[in-house]
Amino acid sequence: MKPNIHYQFHHMGIPTEQVRPGEIFSAAAGMFTTDNPGKFRIQWHRFTPDSPLHPLIRTVPHPAFKVENLKAAIDGEEILLGPYEPIDGYFVAMINDGGAPVELIQTDLSDEQIWARAKNGQGSLYRKASLDDR
């Protein structure tokens, strides 16, 4: 963690091989996402065999943190993905933190807006374009 960056926990992403009800598919990421029905923000991610995402993202659980300045937060870090805008108004990069993926998020959206847009497939993550087209 960088001393000049405030990290606010947002959610936890966990890779799974189990098909879950209500999955939302991203062809660009080769990934199915399901929100856990519990009280805490946990997402399940199931990947297609040809998913272009980094192996750490596909196999290791990741915490996600909101930051005010994504560019400063990822400066000097090993980038696994992004930065890009998977959901309209929601900017993300994933870094390698000593062998563990960490998602960093910059957004002015409320959590309710973020989750609603994700459930409705509002964003480039849910369009057919590849992740390289961002």
C-alpha atoms as a PDB file:
ATOM      1  CA  MET A   1       0.000   0.000   0.000  1.00  0.00           C
ATOM      2  CA  LYS A   2       1.184   3.469  -0.818  1.00  0.00           C
ATOM      3  CA  PRO A   3       1.169   5.962   2.061  1.00  0.00           C
ATOM      4  CA  ASN A   4      -0.407   8.747  -0.033  1.00  0.00           C
ATOM      5  CA  ILE A   5      -3.312   6.554  -1.254  1.00  0.00           C
ATOM      6  CA  HIS A   6      -6.467   5.818   0.766  1.00  0.00           C
ATOM      7  CA  TYR A   7      -7.728   2.275   0.073  1.00  0.00           C
ATOM      8  CA  GLN A   8     -11.398   1.589   0.862  1.00  0.00           C
ATOM      9  CA  PHE A   9     -12.537  -2.043   0.711  1.00  0.00           C
ATOM     10  CA  HIS A  10     -15.154  -2.570  -2.001  1.00  0.00           C
ATOM     11  CA  HIS A  11     -15.597  -6.303  -2.644  1.00  0.00           C
ATOM     12  CA  MET A  12     -13.934  -9.696  -2.813  1.00  0.00           C
ATOM     13  CA  GLY A  13     -13.741 -11.701  -6.045  1.00  0.00           C
ATOM     14  CA  ILE A  14     -13.413 -15.477  -5.851  1.00  0.00           C
ATOM     15  CA  PRO A  15     -12.712 -17.773  -8.804  1.00  0.00           C
ATOM     16  CA  THR A  16     -15.001 -20.784  -9.024  1.00  0.00           C
ATOM     17  CA  GLU A  17     -15.772 -23.656 -11.345  1.00  0.00           C
ATOM     18  CA  GLN A  18     -19.333 -23.984 -10.055  1.00  0.00           C
ATOM     19  CA  VAL A  19     -22.185 -22.750 -12.254  1.00  0.00           C
ATOM     20  CA  ARG A  20     -24.339 -20.379 -10.187  1.00  0.00           C
ATOM     21  CA  PRO A  21     -27.831 -18.987 -10.761  1.00  0.00           C
ATOM     22  CA  GLY A  22     -27.969 -15.477 -12.229  1.00  0.00           C
ATOM     23  CA  GLU A  23     -24.524 -15.483 -13.841  1.00  0.00           C
ATOM     24  CA  ILE A  24     -23.749 -12.515 -16.089  1.00  0.00           C
ATOM     25  CA  PHE A  25     -21.425 -13.375 -18.969  1.00  0.00           C
ATOM     26  CA  SER A  26     -18.664 -11.211 -20.429  1.00  0.00           C
ATOM     27  CA  ALA A  27     -17.495 -12.564 -23.797  1.00  0.00           C
ATOM     28  CA  ALA A  28     -14.568 -10.104 -23.776  1.00  0.00           C
ATOM     29  CA  ALA A  29     -13.240 -11.512 -20.489  1.00  0.00           C
ATOM     30  CA  GLY A  30     -14.452 -15.085 -20.937  1.00  0.00           C
ATOM     31  CA  MET A  31     -15.976 -14.746 -17.483  1.00  0.00           C
ATOM     32  CA  PHE A  32     -19.281 -15.388 -15.736  1.00  0.00           C
ATOM     33  CA  THR A  33     -19.937 -13.227 -12.643  1.00  0.00           C
ATOM     34  CA  THR A  34     -22.427 -13.850  -9.854  1.00  0.00           C
ATOM     35  CA  ASP A  35     -23.025 -11.746  -6.756  1.00  0.00           C
ATOM     36  CA  ASN A  36     -23.085 -13.781  -3.575  1.00  0.00           C
ATOM     37  CA  PRO A  37     -26.501 -13.562  -1.851  1.00  0.00           C
ATOM     38  CA  GLY A  38     -24.904 -12.958   1.570  1.00  0.00           C
ATOM     39  CA  LYS A  39     -24.428  -9.727   3.485  1.00  0.00           C
ATOM     40  CA  PHE A  40     -20.885  -8.982   2.353  1.00  0.00           C
ATOM     41  CA  ARG A  41     -19.851  -7.961  -1.143  1.00  0.00           C
ATOM     42  CA  ILE A  42     -18.480 -11.150  -2.609  1.00  0.00           C
ATOM     43  CA  GLN A  43     -18.526 -11.988  -6.300  1.00  0.00           C
ATOM     44  CA  TRP A  44     -17.988 -15.394  -7.831  1.00  0.00           C
ATOM     45  CA  HIS A  45     -16.085 -15.498 -11.144  1.00  0.00           C
ATOM     46  CA  ARG A  46     -16.189 -18.546 -13.413  1.00  0.00           C
ATOM     47  CA  PHE A  47     -13.927 -18.517 -16.473  1.00  0.00           C
ATOM     48  CA  THR A  48     -14.125 -20.107 -19.892  1.00  0.00           C
ATOM     49  CA  PRO A  49     -11.128 -22.254 -20.901  1.00  0.00           C
ATOM     50  CA  ASP A  50     -10.085 -19.587 -23.426  1.00  0.00           C
ATOM     51  CA  SER A  51     -10.460 -16.567 -21.101  1.00  0.00           C
ATOM     52  CA  PRO A  52      -7.795 -13.978 -21.993  1.00  0.00           C
ATOM     53  CA  LEU A  53      -7.413 -12.858 -18.389  1.00  0.00           C
ATOM     54  CA  HIS A  54      -4.134 -13.327 -16.528  1.00  0.00           C
ATOM     55  CA  PRO A  55      -3.808 -16.711 -14.758  1.00  0.00           C
ATOM     56  CA  LEU A  56      -3.648 -15.022 -11.318  1.00  0.00           C
ATOM     57  CA  ILE A  57      -7.021 -13.371 -11.959  1.00  0.00           C
ATOM     58  CA  ARG A  58      -8.513 -16.694 -13.042  1.00  0.00           C
ATOM     59  CA  THR A  59      -7.164 -18.749 -10.131  1.00  0.00           C
ATOM     60  CA  VAL A  60      -6.540 -16.603  -7.031  1.00  0.00           C
ATOM     61  CA  PRO A  61      -9.187 -14.696  -5.008  1.00  0.00           C
ATOM     62  CA  HIS A  62      -8.774 -10.926  -5.118  1.00  0.00           C
ATOM     63  CA  PRO A  63      -9.764  -8.038  -2.862  1.00  0.00           C
ATOM     64  CA  ALA A  64     -10.978  -4.853  -4.530  1.00  0.00           C
ATOM     65  CA  PHE A  65     -10.394  -1.375  -3.135  1.00  0.00           C
ATOM     66  CA  LYS A  66     -11.710   2.030  -4.164  1.00  0.00           C
ATOM     67  CA  VAL A  67      -9.052   4.715  -4.591  1.00  0.00           C
ATOM     68  CA  GLU A  68      -9.366   8.409  -5.442  1.00  0.00           C
ATOM     69  CA  ASN A  69      -6.549   8.386  -8.020  1.00  0.00           C
ATOM     70  CA  LEU A  70      -6.205   5.151  -9.981  1.00  0.00           C
ATOM     71  CA  LYS A  71      -3.204   6.382 -11.966  1.00  0.00           C
ATOM     72  CA  ALA A  72      -1.243   7.159  -8.784  1.00  0.00           C
ATOM     73  CA  ALA A  73      -2.306   3.874  -7.171  1.00  0.00           C
ATOM     74  CA  ILE A  74      -0.994   1.756 -10.069  1.00  0.00           C
ATOM     75  CA  ASP A  75       2.145   3.793 -10.761  1.00  0.00           C
ATOM     76  CA  GLY A  76       5.153   1.456 -10.579  1.00  0.00           C
ATOM     77  CA  GLU A  77       2.996  -1.650 -10.057  1.00  0.00           C
ATOM     78  CA  GLU A  78       2.899  -4.792 -12.196  1.00  0.00           C
ATOM     79  CA  ILE A  79      -0.371  -4.438 -14.102  1.00  0.00           C
ATOM     80  CA  LEU A  80      -2.365  -7.625 -14.718  1.00  0.00           C
ATOM     81  CA  LEU A  81      -5.334  -5.908 -16.370  1.00  0.00           C
ATOM     82  CA  GLY A  82      -6.256  -2.386 -17.441  1.00  0.00           C
ATOM     83  CA  PRO A  83      -6.698   0.290 -16.627  1.00  0.00           C
ATOM     84  CA  TYR A  84     -10.059   0.173 -18.373  1.00  0.00           C
ATOM     85  CA  GLU A  85     -13.760   0.973 -17.847  1.00  0.00           C
ATOM     86  CA  PRO A  86     -15.618  -2.357 -17.452  1.00  0.00           C
ATOM     87  CA  ILE A  87     -18.800  -0.653 -16.265  1.00  0.00           C
ATOM     88  CA  ASP A  88     -19.743   2.827 -17.452  1.00  0.00           C
ATOM     89  CA  GLY A  89     -18.263   5.311 -14.948  1.00  0.00           C
ATOM     90  CA  TYR A  90     -16.216   2.632 -13.135  1.00  0.00           C
ATOM     91  CA  PHE A  91     -12.472   2.551 -13.859  1.00  0.00           C
ATOM     92  CA  VAL A  92     -10.408  -0.477 -12.885  1.00  0.00           C
ATOM     93  CA  ALA A  93      -6.914  -1.895 -12.937  1.00  0.00           C
ATOM     94  CA  MET A  94      -5.679  -5.128 -11.438  1.00  0.00           C
ATOM     95  CA  ILE A  95      -2.158  -5.388 -10.085  1.00  0.00           C
ATOM     96  CA  ASN A  96       0.062  -8.227  -8.916  1.00  0.00           C
ATOM     97  CA  ASP A  97       0.747  -7.777  -5.211  1.00  0.00           C
ATOM     98  CA  GLY A  98       3.398 -10.392  -4.482  1.00  0.00           C
ATOM     99  CA  GLY A  99       1.547 -13.171  -6.287  1.00  0.00           C
ATOM    100  CA  ALA A 100      -1.990 -12.072  -5.397  1.00  0.00           C
ATOM    101  CA  PRO A 101      -4.227 -10.047  -7.709  1.00  0.00           C
ATOM    102  CA  VAL A 102      -5.635  -6.815  -6.271  1.00  0.00           C
ATOM    103  CA  GLU A 103      -8.330  -4.804  -8.016  1.00  0.00           C
ATOM    104  CA  LEU A 104      -8.169  -1.023  -7.714  1.00  0.00           C
ATOM    105  CA  ILE A 105     -11.243   1.059  -8.577  1.00  0.00           C
ATOM    106  CA  GLN A 106     -11.830   4.743  -9.247  1.00  0.00           C
ATOM    107  CA  THR A 107     -15.433   5.885  -9.542  1.00  0.00           C
ATOM    108  CA  ASP A 108     -17.892   8.555  -8.467  1.00  0.00           C
ATOM    109  CA  LEU A 109     -20.781   6.098  -8.717  1.00  0.00           C
ATOM    110  CA  SER A 110     -22.598   4.955  -5.606  1.00  0.00           C
ATOM    111  CA  ASP A 111     -22.383   1.267  -4.771  1.00  0.00           C
ATOM    112  CA  GLU A 112     -26.054   0.903  -5.712  1.00  0.00           C
ATOM    113  CA  GLN A 113     -25.325   2.382  -9.162  1.00  0.00           C
ATOM    114  CA  ILE A 114     -22.292   0.126  -9.645  1.00  0.00           C
ATOM    115  CA  TRP A 115     -24.142  -3.083  -8.770  1.00  0.00           C
ATOM    116  CA  ALA A 116     -27.196  -2.082 -10.849  1.00  0.00           C
ATOM    117  CA  ARG A 117     -25.047  -1.338 -13.906  1.00  0.00           C
ATOM    118  CA  ALA A 118     -23.190  -4.625 -13.519  1.00  0.00           C
ATOM    119  CA  LYS A 119     -26.448  -6.600 -13.212  1.00  0.00           C
ATOM    120  CA  ASN A 120     -27.838  -4.851 -16.291  1.00  0.00           C
ATOM    121  CA  GLY A 121     -24.674  -5.357 -18.348  1.00  0.00           C
ATOM    122  CA  GLN A 122     -24.026  -1.619 -18.730  1.00  0.00           C
ATOM    123  CA  GLY A 123     -20.399  -1.323 -19.761  1.00  0.00           C
ATOM    124  CA  SER A 124     -17.658  -2.401 -22.097  1.00  0.00           C
ATOM    125  CA  LEU A 125     -17.023  -5.583 -20.118  1.00  0.00           C
ATOM    126  CA  TYR A 126     -20.359  -6.878 -21.352  1.00  0.00           C
ATOM    127  CA  ARG A 127     -19.985  -5.849 -24.999  1.00  0.00           C
ATOM    128  CA  LYS A 128     -18.464  -8.185 -27.566  1.00  0.00           C
ATOM    129  CA  ALA A 129     -15.265  -6.127 -28.049  1.00  0.00           C
ATOM    130  CA  SER A 130     -12.064  -7.637 -26.776  1.00  0.00           C
ATOM    131  CA  LEU A 131     -10.323  -6.316 -23.674  1.00  0.00           C
ATOM    132  CA  ASP A 132      -7.590  -4.956 -25.972  1.00  0.00           C
ATOM    133  CA  ASP A 133     -10.093  -2.623 -27.670  1.00  0.00           C
ATOM    134  CA  ARG A 134     -10.294  -0.307 -24.647  1.00  0.00           C
END
